[in-house]
Amino acid sequence: MTINEIQDEIIDEFSGFDDWMDKYQLLIDLGNEQEPLDDKYKTEQNLIDGCQSRVWLQADLVDGNIHFSAESDALIVKGIVALLIRVLSDHTPQEILNADLYFIEQIGLKEHLSPTRSNGLLAMVKQIKMYALAFNETLKN
């Protein structure tokens, strides 16, 4: 599936709920369904700066695609990072760099997050794009 197809799928899932409490519950469920991050990746180096809660992000280049895994100590944030990974993991660095993450706005996430969580979301996206940039350079050389 393309990045946009996955985003459309997420928008569809969230459109089934009118109440934001239900959407938060869906986020929490998505976070809980995510594979736990191996403890060896819970390092200072993998912690994302700018997040109020602790978020670890691991990125590995596998056959030209970046595979992301992550975990957070906060339930809603864990769900948010699970969504980002679902959308961006296992795509090429260039696809990730070119991605317009419109699902964040379309599901109403941006307007329903506290300012600190919004900053955290931006920090997660920034870190994912930084990995993509670094791996893109590696592939060119």
C-alpha atoms as a PDB file:
ATOM      1  CA  MET A   1       0.000   0.000   0.000  1.00  0.00           C
ATOM      2  CA  THR A   2       1.116   3.541  -0.653  1.00  0.00           C
ATOM      3  CA  ILE A   3       1.495   6.087   2.129  1.00  0.00           C
ATOM      4  CA  ASN A   4      -1.636   7.901   0.921  1.00  0.00           C
ATOM      5  CA  GLU A   5      -3.684   4.678   0.780  1.00  0.00           C
ATOM      6  CA  ILE A   6      -2.751   3.955   4.389  1.00  0.00           C
ATOM      7  CA  GLN A   7      -3.643   7.527   5.407  1.00  0.00           C
ATOM      8  CA  ASP A   8      -7.026   7.192   3.684  1.00  0.00           C
ATOM      9  CA  GLU A   9      -7.619   3.938   5.563  1.00  0.00           C
ATOM     10  CA  ILE A  10      -6.898   5.679   8.889  1.00  0.00           C
ATOM     11  CA  ILE A  11      -9.167   8.621   8.001  1.00  0.00           C
ATOM     12  CA  ASP A  12     -11.884   6.083   7.239  1.00  0.00           C
ATOM     13  CA  GLU A  13     -11.417   4.311  10.595  1.00  0.00           C
ATOM     14  CA  PHE A  14     -11.590   7.559  12.548  1.00  0.00           C
ATOM     15  CA  SER A  15     -14.594   8.885  10.587  1.00  0.00           C
ATOM     16  CA  GLY A  16     -16.694   6.151  12.201  1.00  0.00           C
ATOM     17  CA  PHE A  17     -16.529   8.068  15.486  1.00  0.00           C
ATOM     18  CA  ASP A  18     -18.133  11.447  16.189  1.00  0.00           C
ATOM     19  CA  ASP A  19     -17.105  11.721  19.810  1.00  0.00           C
ATOM     20  CA  TRP A  20     -13.487  12.567  20.584  1.00  0.00           C
ATOM     21  CA  MET A  21     -13.523  10.299  23.649  1.00  0.00           C
ATOM     22  CA  ASP A  22     -14.106   7.389  21.238  1.00  0.00           C
ATOM     23  CA  LYS A  23     -11.279   8.603  18.996  1.00  0.00           C
ATOM     24  CA  TYR A  24      -8.939   8.812  21.994  1.00  0.00           C
ATOM     25  CA  GLN A  25      -9.965   5.263  22.903  1.00  0.00           C
ATOM     26  CA  LEU A  26      -9.146   4.138  19.351  1.00  0.00           C
ATOM     27  CA  LEU A  27      -5.723   5.802  19.679  1.00  0.00           C
ATOM     28  CA  ILE A  28      -5.113   4.010  22.987  1.00  0.00           C
ATOM     29  CA  ASP A  29      -6.190   0.689  21.456  1.00  0.00           C
ATOM     30  CA  LEU A  30      -3.864   1.199  18.479  1.00  0.00           C
ATOM     31  CA  GLY A  31      -1.004   1.945  20.850  1.00  0.00           C
ATOM     32  CA  ASN A  32      -1.728  -1.161  22.912  1.00  0.00           C
ATOM     33  CA  GLU A  33      -1.846  -3.347  19.775  1.00  0.00           C
ATOM     34  CA  GLN A  34       1.612  -2.208  18.752  1.00  0.00           C
ATOM     35  CA  GLU A  35       4.543  -4.562  19.254  1.00  0.00           C
ATOM     36  CA  PRO A  36       6.506  -3.493  22.329  1.00  0.00           C
ATOM     37  CA  LEU A  37       9.900  -2.009  21.551  1.00  0.00           C
ATOM     38  CA  ASP A  38      12.822  -4.240  22.456  1.00  0.00           C
ATOM     39  CA  ASP A  39      14.485  -2.931  25.629  1.00  0.00           C
ATOM     40  CA  LYS A  40      17.847  -2.716  23.836  1.00  0.00           C
ATOM     41  CA  TYR A  41      16.383   0.161  21.757  1.00  0.00           C
ATOM     42  CA  LYS A  42      15.160   2.134  24.778  1.00  0.00           C
ATOM     43  CA  THR A  43      18.279   4.280  24.839  1.00  0.00           C
ATOM     44  CA  GLU A  44      18.929   7.989  25.255  1.00  0.00           C
ATOM     45  CA  GLN A  45      19.934   8.088  21.580  1.00  0.00           C
ATOM     46  CA  ASN A  46      16.480   6.831  20.524  1.00  0.00           C
ATOM     47  CA  LEU A  47      14.528   9.214  22.777  1.00  0.00           C
ATOM     48  CA  ILE A  48      12.768  11.947  20.819  1.00  0.00           C
ATOM     49  CA  ASP A  49      13.561  15.474  21.955  1.00  0.00           C
ATOM     50  CA  GLY A  50      10.571  17.754  22.288  1.00  0.00           C
ATOM     51  CA  CYS A  51       8.105  15.206  23.616  1.00  0.00           C
ATOM     52  CA  GLN A  52       6.631  15.735  27.057  1.00  0.00           C
ATOM     53  CA  SER A  53       6.364  11.977  27.540  1.00  0.00           C
ATOM     54  CA  ARG A  54       9.120   9.557  26.721  1.00  0.00           C
ATOM     55  CA  VAL A  55       9.066   8.279  23.127  1.00  0.00           C
ATOM     56  CA  TRP A  56      11.701   5.955  21.724  1.00  0.00           C
ATOM     57  CA  LEU A  57      12.018   5.572  17.959  1.00  0.00           C
ATOM     58  CA  GLN A  58      14.155   2.947  16.257  1.00  0.00           C
ATOM     59  CA  ALA A  59      14.754   3.038  12.501  1.00  0.00           C
ATOM     60  CA  ASP A  60      16.386   0.305  10.414  1.00  0.00           C
ATOM     61  CA  LEU A  61      17.055   0.230   6.689  1.00  0.00           C
ATOM     62  CA  VAL A  62      15.795  -3.110   5.342  1.00  0.00           C
ATOM     63  CA  ASP A  63      16.041  -3.816   1.606  1.00  0.00           C
ATOM     64  CA  GLY A  64      15.914  -0.107   0.734  1.00  0.00           C
ATOM     65  CA  ASN A  65      12.900   0.582   2.985  1.00  0.00           C
ATOM     66  CA  ILE A  66      12.950   2.070   6.473  1.00  0.00           C
ATOM     67  CA  HIS A  67      11.356  -0.038   9.174  1.00  0.00           C
ATOM     68  CA  PHE A  68      10.325   1.938  12.244  1.00  0.00           C
ATOM     69  CA  SER A  69       9.505   0.657  15.691  1.00  0.00           C
ATOM     70  CA  ALA A  70       8.638   2.821  18.666  1.00  0.00           C
ATOM     71  CA  GLU A  71       7.163   2.974  22.105  1.00  0.00           C
ATOM     72  CA  SER A  72       5.979   5.598  24.548  1.00  0.00           C
ATOM     73  CA  ASP A  73       5.236   5.627  28.250  1.00  0.00           C
ATOM     74  CA  ALA A  74       2.006   7.591  27.609  1.00  0.00           C
ATOM     75  CA  LEU A  75      -1.076   5.814  26.224  1.00  0.00           C
ATOM     76  CA  ILE A  76      -2.328   8.430  23.755  1.00  0.00           C
ATOM     77  CA  VAL A  77       1.196   9.247  22.563  1.00  0.00           C
ATOM     78  CA  LYS A  78       1.813   5.533  22.042  1.00  0.00           C
ATOM     79  CA  GLY A  79      -1.259   5.516  19.786  1.00  0.00           C
ATOM     80  CA  ILE A  80      -0.066   8.571  17.867  1.00  0.00           C
ATOM     81  CA  VAL A  81       3.355   7.070  17.231  1.00  0.00           C
ATOM     82  CA  ALA A  82       1.650   3.787  16.232  1.00  0.00           C
ATOM     83  CA  LEU A  83      -0.285   5.716  13.569  1.00  0.00           C
ATOM     84  CA  LEU A  84       2.869   7.411  12.276  1.00  0.00           C
ATOM     85  CA  ILE A  85       4.649   4.071  12.056  1.00  0.00           C
ATOM     86  CA  ARG A  86       1.689   2.469  10.316  1.00  0.00           C
ATOM     87  CA  VAL A  87       1.739   5.205   7.688  1.00  0.00           C
ATOM     88  CA  LEU A  88       5.482   5.589   7.163  1.00  0.00           C
ATOM     89  CA  SER A  89       7.178   2.324   8.088  1.00  0.00           C
ATOM     90  CA  ASP A  90       8.437   0.030   5.329  1.00  0.00           C
ATOM     91  CA  HIS A  91       8.612   2.728   2.668  1.00  0.00           C
ATOM     92  CA  THR A  92      11.667   4.134   0.922  1.00  0.00           C
ATOM     93  CA  PRO A  93      13.432   7.162   2.420  1.00  0.00           C
ATOM     94  CA  GLN A  94      12.360   9.258  -0.584  1.00  0.00           C
ATOM     95  CA  GLU A  95       8.687   8.265  -0.201  1.00  0.00           C
ATOM     96  CA  ILE A  96       8.830   9.269   3.468  1.00  0.00           C
ATOM     97  CA  LEU A  97      10.510  12.587   2.658  1.00  0.00           C
ATOM     98  CA  ASN A  98       7.874  13.342   0.002  1.00  0.00           C
ATOM     99  CA  ALA A  99       4.927  12.314   2.199  1.00  0.00           C
ATOM    100  CA  ASP A 100       2.279  14.878   2.997  1.00  0.00           C
ATOM    101  CA  LEU A 101       0.844  13.669   6.293  1.00  0.00           C
ATOM    102  CA  TYR A 102      -2.667  14.973   5.688  1.00  0.00           C
ATOM    103  CA  PHE A 103      -4.322  12.336   7.892  1.00  0.00           C
ATOM    104  CA  ILE A 104      -3.220  14.204  11.046  1.00  0.00           C
ATOM    105  CA  GLU A 105      -5.424  17.159  10.183  1.00  0.00           C
ATOM    106  CA  GLN A 106      -8.201  15.146   8.520  1.00  0.00           C
ATOM    107  CA  ILE A 107      -8.902  13.008  11.604  1.00  0.00           C
ATOM    108  CA  GLY A 108      -8.868  16.166  13.754  1.00  0.00           C
ATOM    109  CA  LEU A 109      -5.822  15.130  15.725  1.00  0.00           C
ATOM    110  CA  LYS A 110      -4.054  18.475  15.420  1.00  0.00           C
ATOM    111  CA  GLU A 111      -6.903  20.480  16.918  1.00  0.00           C
ATOM    112  CA  HIS A 112      -7.630  17.974  19.719  1.00  0.00           C
ATOM    113  CA  LEU A 113      -4.120  17.717  21.127  1.00  0.00           C
ATOM    114  CA  SER A 114      -2.766  19.884  23.897  1.00  0.00           C
ATOM    115  CA  PRO A 115       0.014  22.259  22.800  1.00  0.00           C
ATOM    116  CA  THR A 116       2.638  20.024  24.423  1.00  0.00           C
ATOM    117  CA  ARG A 117       1.301  16.904  22.660  1.00  0.00           C
ATOM    118  CA  SER A 118       1.178  18.846  19.378  1.00  0.00           C
ATOM    119  CA  ASN A 119       4.833  19.747  19.840  1.00  0.00           C
ATOM    120  CA  GLY A 120       5.557  16.103  20.562  1.00  0.00           C
ATOM    121  CA  LEU A 121       3.771  15.029  17.384  1.00  0.00           C
ATOM    122  CA  LEU A 122       5.823  17.513  15.362  1.00  0.00           C
ATOM    123  CA  ALA A 123       8.996  16.238  17.046  1.00  0.00           C
ATOM    124  CA  MET A 124       8.097  12.633  16.118  1.00  0.00           C
ATOM    125  CA  VAL A 125       7.447  13.554  12.481  1.00  0.00           C
ATOM    126  CA  LYS A 126      10.671  15.576  12.389  1.00  0.00           C
ATOM    127  CA  GLN A 127      12.691  12.655  13.779  1.00  0.00           C
ATOM    128  CA  ILE A 128      11.160  10.223  11.262  1.00  0.00           C
ATOM    129  CA  LYS A 129      12.018  12.615   8.415  1.00  0.00           C
ATOM    130  CA  MET A 130      15.573  13.020   9.790  1.00  0.00           C
ATOM    131  CA  TYR A 131      16.050   9.242   9.668  1.00  0.00           C
ATOM    132  CA  ALA A 132      14.675   9.221   6.115  1.00  0.00           C
ATOM    133  CA  LEU A 133      17.083  11.987   5.127  1.00  0.00           C
ATOM    134  CA  ALA A 134      20.056  10.161   6.642  1.00  0.00           C
ATOM    135  CA  PHE A 135      19.150   6.820   5.044  1.00  0.00           C
ATOM    136  CA  ASN A 136      18.518   8.563   1.716  1.00  0.00           C
ATOM    137  CA  GLU A 137      22.083   9.906   1.792  1.00  0.00           C
ATOM    138  CA  THR A 138      23.389   6.446   2.699  1.00  0.00           C
ATOM    139  CA  LEU A 139      21.622   4.903  -0.289  1.00  0.00           C
ATOM    140  CA  LYS A 140      23.059   7.534  -2.650  1.00  0.00           C
ATOM    141  CA  ASN A 141      26.638   6.749  -1.602  1.00  0.00           C
END
